[in-house]
Amino acid sequence: MEISNFDNFAYCETVGLANCFKALSELAGHHYVDVAAVGFNDNSGYVYIALEQDVTICSLLGRDVEYLAHCPATGEEFFFDNYQDALDKSVALWEAEAKHWEQSA
């Protein structure tokens, strides 16, 4: 696995990434998780672990993790305190997107 855009490990980013890996390890005990990417977003300051399930575990400045779902159509981001809520939102967003395309066809 490659960690993207993490050339200089600063304290807050390192703590945040450790928090993300801790959250990932807790998920792995209860859910199937497949990691798509790990990295640092220069624009937002978040460190993240993006999962194949379209949920991202992220942390800003070493704070507690948040779980992120995004709209496939608009890119709008939704933050949650737990994985299940983010996963439910992600599924709902993808279902809405699929329904939109079915109606457009």
Protein backbone atom coordinates (compact mmCIF):
# COMPACT_ATOMS: atom_id res chain seq x y z
CA MET A 1 0.00 0.00 0.00
CA GLU A 2 1.28 3.44 -0.91
CA ILE A 3 0.69 6.46 1.27
CA SER A 4 0.02 9.43 -1.00
CA ASN A 5 1.19 13.01 -0.44
CA PHE A 6 2.86 12.32 2.90
CA ASP A 7 6.37 13.58 2.28
CA ASN A 8 6.89 15.26 5.64
CA PHE A 9 5.32 13.63 8.65
CA ALA A 10 4.29 16.42 11.03
CA TYR A 11 3.03 15.70 14.55
CA CYS A 12 -0.69 16.39 13.97
CA GLU A 13 -0.82 14.45 10.72
CA THR A 14 1.00 11.50 12.25
CA VAL A 15 -1.37 11.39 15.24
CA GLY A 16 -4.35 11.74 12.89
CA LEU A 17 -3.18 8.90 10.67
CA ALA A 18 -2.61 6.72 13.75
CA ASN A 19 -6.19 7.50 14.81
CA CYS A 20 -7.40 6.50 11.34
CA PHE A 21 -5.51 3.19 11.48
CA LYS A 22 -6.91 2.51 14.96
CA ALA A 23 -10.43 3.10 13.63
CA LEU A 24 -9.65 0.84 10.67
CA SER A 25 -8.49 -1.93 12.98
CA GLU A 26 -11.71 -1.66 14.99
CA LEU A 27 -13.77 -1.86 11.78
CA ALA A 28 -11.83 -4.87 10.53
CA GLY A 29 -13.04 -6.85 13.53
CA HIS A 30 -16.70 -6.31 12.58
CA HIS A 31 -16.86 -5.47 8.86
CA TYR A 32 -15.15 -6.47 5.65
CA VAL A 33 -12.93 -3.53 4.75
CA ASP A 34 -10.75 -3.07 1.70
CA VAL A 35 -8.44 -0.05 1.62
CA ALA A 36 -8.38 1.93 -1.63
CA ALA A 37 -5.96 4.70 -0.63
CA VAL A 38 -4.15 6.32 2.28
CA GLY A 39 -2.95 9.88 2.19
CA PHE A 40 -2.96 13.54 3.09
CA ASN A 41 -5.14 16.18 1.42
CA ASP A 42 -3.20 19.44 1.06
CA ASN A 43 -6.38 21.42 0.43
CA SER A 44 -8.33 20.34 3.51
CA GLY A 45 -5.55 19.28 5.88
CA TYR A 46 -7.19 15.90 6.46
CA VAL A 47 -5.32 12.62 6.62
CA TYR A 48 -7.43 9.76 5.36
CA ILE A 49 -7.90 6.09 4.67
CA ALA A 50 -10.31 5.69 1.75
CA LEU A 51 -12.17 2.40 1.74
CA GLU A 52 -13.48 0.53 -1.28
CA GLN A 53 -16.92 0.71 0.35
CA ASP A 54 -17.04 4.45 -0.56
CA VAL A 55 -16.47 5.57 3.01
CA THR A 56 -13.36 7.43 4.08
CA ILE A 57 -11.92 7.44 7.59
CA CYS A 58 -10.35 10.86 8.16
CA SER A 59 -8.83 13.08 10.82
CA LEU A 60 -8.01 16.78 10.90
CA LEU A 61 -5.05 17.98 12.97
CA GLY A 62 -4.86 14.76 14.99
CA ARG A 63 -8.43 15.05 16.25
CA ASP A 64 -10.90 12.19 16.58
CA VAL A 65 -11.73 10.42 13.36
CA GLU A 66 -14.71 11.21 11.21
CA TYR A 67 -16.31 9.03 8.59
CA LEU A 68 -16.93 10.63 5.23
CA ALA A 69 -19.42 9.77 2.51
CA HIS A 70 -19.56 11.74 -0.73
CA CYS A 71 -22.19 12.27 -3.39
CA PRO A 72 -21.07 10.66 -6.66
CA ALA A 73 -22.94 13.31 -8.70
CA THR A 74 -21.93 16.52 -6.95
CA GLY A 75 -18.91 15.61 -4.85
CA GLU A 76 -20.65 17.01 -1.76
CA GLU A 77 -19.16 15.55 1.42
CA PHE A 78 -21.07 14.32 4.46
CA PHE A 79 -19.28 13.74 7.77
CA PHE A 80 -20.41 11.27 10.44
CA ASP A 81 -19.26 10.15 13.86
CA ASN A 82 -19.52 6.46 13.00
CA TYR A 83 -18.92 4.12 10.10
CA GLN A 84 -22.43 2.69 9.82
CA ASP A 85 -24.07 6.09 9.37
CA ALA A 86 -21.52 7.01 6.68
CA LEU A 87 -22.02 3.67 4.94
CA ASP A 88 -25.82 4.05 5.03
CA LYS A 89 -25.52 7.55 3.54
CA SER A 90 -23.13 6.32 0.85
CA VAL A 91 -25.50 3.52 -0.16
CA ALA A 92 -28.44 5.96 -0.27
CA LEU A 93 -26.45 8.41 -2.43
CA TRP A 94 -25.42 5.71 -4.89
CA GLU A 95 -28.99 4.38 -5.07
CA ALA A 96 -30.28 7.90 -5.79
CA GLU A 97 -27.65 8.32 -8.49
CA ALA A 98 -28.58 5.00 -10.10
CA LYS A 99 -32.28 5.92 -9.99
CA HIS A 100 -31.51 9.27 -11.63
CA TRP A 101 -29.69 7.58 -14.51
CA GLU A 102 -32.46 4.99 -14.93
CA GLN A 103 -35.04 7.76 -15.25
CA SER A 104 -32.82 9.69 -17.68
CA ALA A 105 -32.45 6.71 -20.02
